[in-house]
Amino acid sequence: MTRRELKETMSDMPEQGSKLQGAKRPKSKSSFYEKIGPILVFLSIGLAFAVGMLWQKVQGLSGGTNTKTAQVNNAATAPTEGKLSEEQVKKIPAVTDADHIRGSKNAKVVLIEYSDLECPFCKRFHPTVKQITDEYDGQVAWVYRHFPLDQLHPKADKEAEAVECAAELGGEDSFWALVDKIYEVTPSNNGLDHSLLPGLAAEVGLSESAFKSCFDSGKYTDKIEDFNQNEDF
């Protein structure tokens, strides 16, 4: 390039800059959709992340292989990039009214989390996805499905029952409120004292006595176990 050509090019730069300054900046939510596209996204981030980190511990547990261990093994083979294989996606049960859903059911993006209330990685993940759901109100649906890793966290099954009692007594708002509260207070790794659960239920607006009656009855024990047995993708 000659000096003259360089000079002419530089003389054009202010005009180009003014055009850029006058251009409309894309809205943040538009940018969000450009990145993800108007598609239905199925992810099991909570479980996949937890299992990816904890699989070595599972391998070292004593005892034979049971159905739950086989499920953990399947989840551990998921691609490390955070995506499920096409075959795995096909096996994920469709979202129904029986699911616990936070956000709009008509959202373009649906995040399905298979989670364990005593999992430390799920505890870390929880506030992040809550922030996303709140920030993109109506655009993201968050589906929570129980998958307590009871080989590692024997207390997680009962905590899953506890939040089901919350749903029975106070609906979806109470379900999510108690899930939030448990993740907030549990030290994770089987560390939550279950004697605190009735008090936590009261903190989110439920009757402590009614919650305790539901929780002590064990009425949701089979539901949690059956749910996990069916999630064999």
Protein backbone atom coordinates (compact mmCIF):
# COMPACT_ATOMS: atom_id res chain seq x y z
CA MET A 1 0.00 0.00 0.00
CA THR A 2 1.36 3.46 -0.96
CA ARG A 3 1.50 6.38 1.47
CA ARG A 4 -1.32 8.05 -0.43
CA GLU A 5 -3.53 4.97 -0.16
CA LEU A 6 -2.74 4.66 3.53
CA LYS A 7 -3.62 8.33 4.09
CA GLU A 8 -6.94 7.95 2.22
CA THR A 9 -7.74 4.86 4.27
CA MET A 10 -7.02 6.64 7.55
CA SER A 11 -9.10 9.64 6.47
CA ASP A 12 -12.11 7.33 6.14
CA MET A 13 -11.78 5.96 9.68
CA PRO A 14 -13.62 8.73 11.59
CA GLU A 15 -16.62 8.37 9.30
CA GLN A 16 -16.68 4.65 9.86
CA GLY A 17 -16.35 5.19 13.58
CA SER A 18 -19.32 7.54 13.63
CA LYS A 19 -21.38 4.95 11.82
CA LEU A 20 -20.48 2.41 14.45
CA GLN A 21 -21.34 4.80 17.23
CA GLY A 22 -24.74 5.42 15.68
CA ALA A 23 -25.48 1.75 15.26
CA LYS A 24 -27.90 0.18 17.66
CA ARG A 25 -26.35 -2.18 20.13
CA PRO A 26 -28.05 -5.56 20.37
CA LYS A 27 -30.03 -6.21 23.46
CA SER A 28 -28.53 -8.63 25.90
CA LYS A 29 -31.48 -11.01 25.63
CA SER A 30 -31.21 -11.07 21.84
CA SER A 31 -27.56 -11.91 22.25
CA PHE A 32 -28.61 -14.72 24.55
CA TYR A 33 -30.85 -16.24 21.88
CA GLU A 34 -28.21 -15.84 19.21
CA LYS A 35 -25.95 -18.00 21.29
CA ILE A 36 -28.38 -20.74 22.14
CA GLY A 37 -30.92 -20.58 19.32
CA PRO A 38 -34.68 -21.21 19.59
CA ILE A 39 -34.30 -24.88 20.42
CA LEU A 40 -35.32 -27.17 23.20
CA VAL A 41 -32.26 -28.02 25.22
CA PHE A 42 -32.13 -31.07 27.42
CA LEU A 43 -29.29 -31.16 29.94
CA SER A 44 -28.64 -33.23 33.02
CA ILE A 45 -25.87 -30.96 34.24
CA GLY A 46 -26.21 -31.50 37.96
CA LEU A 47 -25.91 -35.27 37.82
CA ALA A 48 -23.38 -35.43 34.98
CA PHE A 49 -21.05 -32.96 36.70
CA ALA A 50 -21.34 -34.66 40.07
CA VAL A 51 -20.80 -38.13 38.66
CA GLY A 52 -17.89 -36.99 36.56
CA MET A 53 -16.08 -35.85 39.69
CA LEU A 54 -17.19 -38.66 41.99
CA TRP A 55 -16.99 -41.70 39.74
CA GLN A 56 -13.70 -42.87 41.15
CA LYS A 57 -15.28 -43.01 44.60
CA VAL A 58 -18.21 -45.03 43.28
CA GLN A 59 -15.81 -47.51 41.71
CA GLY A 60 -14.19 -48.07 45.09
CA LEU A 61 -17.43 -48.89 46.94
CA SER A 62 -17.87 -52.47 48.07
CA GLY A 63 -20.73 -54.71 46.97
CA GLY A 64 -22.12 -55.94 43.68
CA THR A 65 -23.53 -53.97 40.81
CA ASN A 66 -27.13 -52.88 41.25
CA THR A 67 -29.52 -50.88 39.12
CA LYS A 68 -28.53 -47.51 40.62
CA THR A 69 -24.80 -48.23 40.10
CA ALA A 70 -25.50 -49.11 36.47
CA GLN A 71 -27.28 -45.78 36.06
CA VAL A 72 -24.31 -43.92 37.51
CA ASN A 73 -22.05 -45.80 35.12
CA ASN A 74 -24.19 -44.75 32.15
CA ALA A 75 -24.14 -41.11 33.24
CA ALA A 76 -20.38 -41.16 33.70
CA THR A 77 -19.91 -42.05 30.03
CA ALA A 78 -21.57 -38.80 28.91
CA PRO A 79 -19.30 -36.57 26.81
CA THR A 80 -17.10 -34.30 28.92
CA GLU A 81 -18.07 -31.23 26.88
CA GLY A 82 -21.40 -31.00 28.70
CA LYS A 83 -23.49 -32.45 25.87
CA LEU A 84 -25.42 -35.67 25.86
CA SER A 85 -25.21 -37.96 22.90
CA GLU A 86 -28.13 -38.03 20.48
CA GLU A 87 -29.04 -41.50 21.74
CA GLN A 88 -29.06 -40.31 25.36
CA VAL A 89 -31.25 -37.33 24.49
CA LYS A 90 -33.82 -39.64 22.89
CA LYS A 91 -34.07 -41.61 26.14
CA ILE A 92 -34.82 -38.59 28.34
CA PRO A 93 -38.49 -38.69 29.38
CA ALA A 94 -40.53 -35.79 28.03
CA VAL A 95 -41.42 -33.00 30.42
CA THR A 96 -44.94 -33.35 31.80
CA ASP A 97 -47.17 -31.66 34.37
CA ALA A 98 -45.85 -34.19 36.89
CA ASP A 99 -42.43 -32.53 36.75
CA HIS A 100 -41.28 -29.76 39.05
CA ILE A 101 -40.82 -26.76 36.77
CA ARG A 102 -39.45 -23.34 37.61
CA GLY A 103 -40.12 -20.68 34.99
CA SER A 104 -42.46 -20.66 32.02
CA LYS A 105 -43.62 -24.01 30.67
CA ASN A 106 -43.66 -22.36 27.24
CA ALA A 107 -40.01 -21.31 27.40
CA LYS A 108 -37.85 -21.87 24.33
CA VAL A 109 -35.05 -23.25 26.49
CA VAL A 110 -35.73 -26.11 28.88
CA LEU A 111 -33.01 -27.21 31.30
CA ILE A 112 -33.54 -30.60 32.93
CA GLU A 113 -31.46 -31.22 36.02
CA TYR A 114 -31.06 -34.66 37.61
CA SER A 115 -29.83 -33.79 41.04
CA ASP A 116 -28.87 -34.91 44.54
CA LEU A 117 -29.53 -32.56 47.46
CA GLU A 118 -26.35 -33.69 49.23
CA CYS A 119 -24.11 -33.33 46.17
CA PRO A 120 -21.55 -30.52 46.67
CA PHE A 121 -21.33 -29.81 42.93
CA CYS A 122 -25.11 -29.60 42.64
CA LYS A 123 -25.03 -27.15 45.57
CA ARG A 124 -22.58 -24.95 43.63
CA PHE A 125 -24.57 -25.24 40.41
CA HIS A 126 -27.92 -24.41 41.98
CA PRO A 127 -27.56 -20.64 42.54
CA THR A 128 -26.12 -20.20 39.06
CA VAL A 129 -29.07 -21.74 37.26
CA LYS A 130 -31.44 -19.94 39.62
CA GLN A 131 -29.88 -16.65 38.56
CA ILE A 132 -30.25 -17.59 34.88
CA THR A 133 -33.90 -18.53 35.35
CA ASP A 134 -34.62 -15.29 37.20
CA GLU A 135 -32.71 -13.08 34.78
CA TYR A 136 -34.28 -14.58 31.68
CA ASP A 137 -37.76 -14.72 33.17
CA GLY A 138 -40.18 -16.52 30.87
CA GLN A 139 -37.43 -17.62 28.51
CA VAL A 140 -35.91 -20.51 30.46
CA ALA A 141 -37.72 -23.41 32.14
CA TRP A 142 -35.86 -25.32 34.83
CA VAL A 143 -37.00 -28.89 35.45
CA TYR A 144 -35.79 -30.56 38.64
CA ARG A 145 -35.71 -34.35 38.80
CA HIS A 146 -34.51 -36.37 41.77
CA PHE A 147 -31.49 -38.60 41.40
CA PRO A 148 -29.93 -39.08 44.86
CA LEU A 149 -26.67 -41.00 44.72
CA ASP A 150 -27.46 -43.05 47.78
CA GLN A 151 -24.21 -45.02 47.60
CA LEU A 152 -22.44 -41.76 48.42
CA HIS A 153 -25.19 -39.75 50.13
CA PRO A 154 -27.63 -42.00 52.02
CA LYS A 155 -29.39 -38.94 53.44
CA ALA A 156 -30.24 -37.54 50.01
CA ASP A 157 -33.20 -39.88 49.52
CA LYS A 158 -34.98 -38.55 52.61
CA GLU A 159 -34.25 -34.97 51.58
CA ALA A 160 -35.86 -35.69 48.22
CA GLU A 161 -38.89 -36.97 50.14
CA ALA A 162 -38.86 -33.79 52.22
CA VAL A 163 -39.18 -31.49 49.22
CA GLU A 164 -41.97 -33.70 47.86
CA CYS A 165 -43.79 -33.13 51.15
CA ALA A 166 -43.24 -29.41 50.65
CA ALA A 167 -44.85 -29.68 47.20
CA GLU A 168 -47.82 -31.53 48.67
CA LEU A 169 -48.37 -28.96 51.42
CA GLY A 170 -47.59 -25.73 49.57
CA GLY A 171 -47.38 -26.42 45.84
CA GLU A 172 -44.51 -25.72 43.45
CA ASP A 173 -43.45 -22.49 45.16
CA SER A 174 -42.91 -24.36 48.42
CA PHE A 175 -41.11 -27.19 46.63
CA TRP A 176 -38.58 -24.82 45.10
CA ALA A 177 -38.29 -22.74 48.28
CA LEU A 178 -37.31 -25.81 50.31
CA VAL A 179 -34.91 -27.01 47.62
CA ASP A 180 -33.27 -23.56 47.73
CA LYS A 181 -33.13 -23.65 51.52
CA ILE A 182 -31.62 -27.13 51.73
CA TYR A 183 -28.89 -26.26 49.24
CA GLU A 184 -28.27 -23.06 51.19
CA VAL A 185 -27.75 -24.73 54.57
CA THR A 186 -26.45 -28.23 53.87
CA PRO A 187 -22.68 -28.73 54.18
CA SER A 188 -23.18 -31.42 51.49
CA ASN A 189 -21.67 -34.90 51.37
CA ASN A 190 -24.33 -36.32 53.70
CA GLY A 191 -23.84 -33.53 56.21
CA LEU A 192 -27.35 -32.19 56.81
CA ASP A 193 -28.96 -33.01 60.16
CA HIS A 194 -32.47 -34.18 59.27
CA SER A 195 -33.83 -32.98 62.58
CA LEU A 196 -33.49 -29.49 61.07
CA LEU A 197 -35.84 -30.21 58.18
CA PRO A 198 -39.14 -29.35 59.94
CA GLY A 199 -37.64 -26.02 60.99
CA LEU A 200 -36.47 -25.34 57.45
CA ALA A 201 -39.96 -26.13 56.20
CA ALA A 202 -41.37 -23.60 58.66
CA GLU A 203 -38.88 -21.00 57.40
CA VAL A 204 -40.33 -21.30 53.89
CA GLY A 205 -43.87 -20.87 55.19
CA LEU A 206 -45.09 -24.43 55.78
CA SER A 207 -46.76 -25.83 58.88
CA GLU A 208 -43.99 -27.50 60.85
CA SER A 209 -46.32 -30.13 62.32
CA ALA A 210 -47.94 -30.94 58.97
CA PHE A 211 -44.53 -31.23 57.33
CA LYS A 212 -43.22 -33.48 60.09
CA SER A 213 -46.26 -35.73 59.78
CA CYS A 214 -45.74 -36.09 56.02
CA PHE A 215 -41.99 -36.56 56.31
CA ASP A 216 -42.18 -39.16 59.10
CA SER A 217 -44.83 -41.15 57.22
CA GLY A 218 -42.40 -42.11 54.44
CA LYS A 219 -45.21 -41.73 51.92
CA TYR A 220 -42.82 -40.58 49.18
CA THR A 221 -40.14 -43.24 49.71
CA ASP A 222 -41.39 -45.45 46.88
CA LYS A 223 -41.91 -42.48 44.55
CA ILE A 224 -38.29 -41.40 44.87
CA GLU A 225 -37.01 -44.93 44.42
CA ASP A 226 -39.31 -45.65 41.47
CA PHE A 227 -38.35 -42.39 39.82
CA ASN A 228 -34.68 -43.29 39.98
CA GLN A 229 -35.24 -46.83 38.75
CA ASN A 230 -36.96 -45.45 35.64
CA GLU A 231 -34.18 -42.99 34.75
CA ASP A 232 -31.94 -45.47 32.94
CA PHE A 233 -30.75 -43.35 30.06
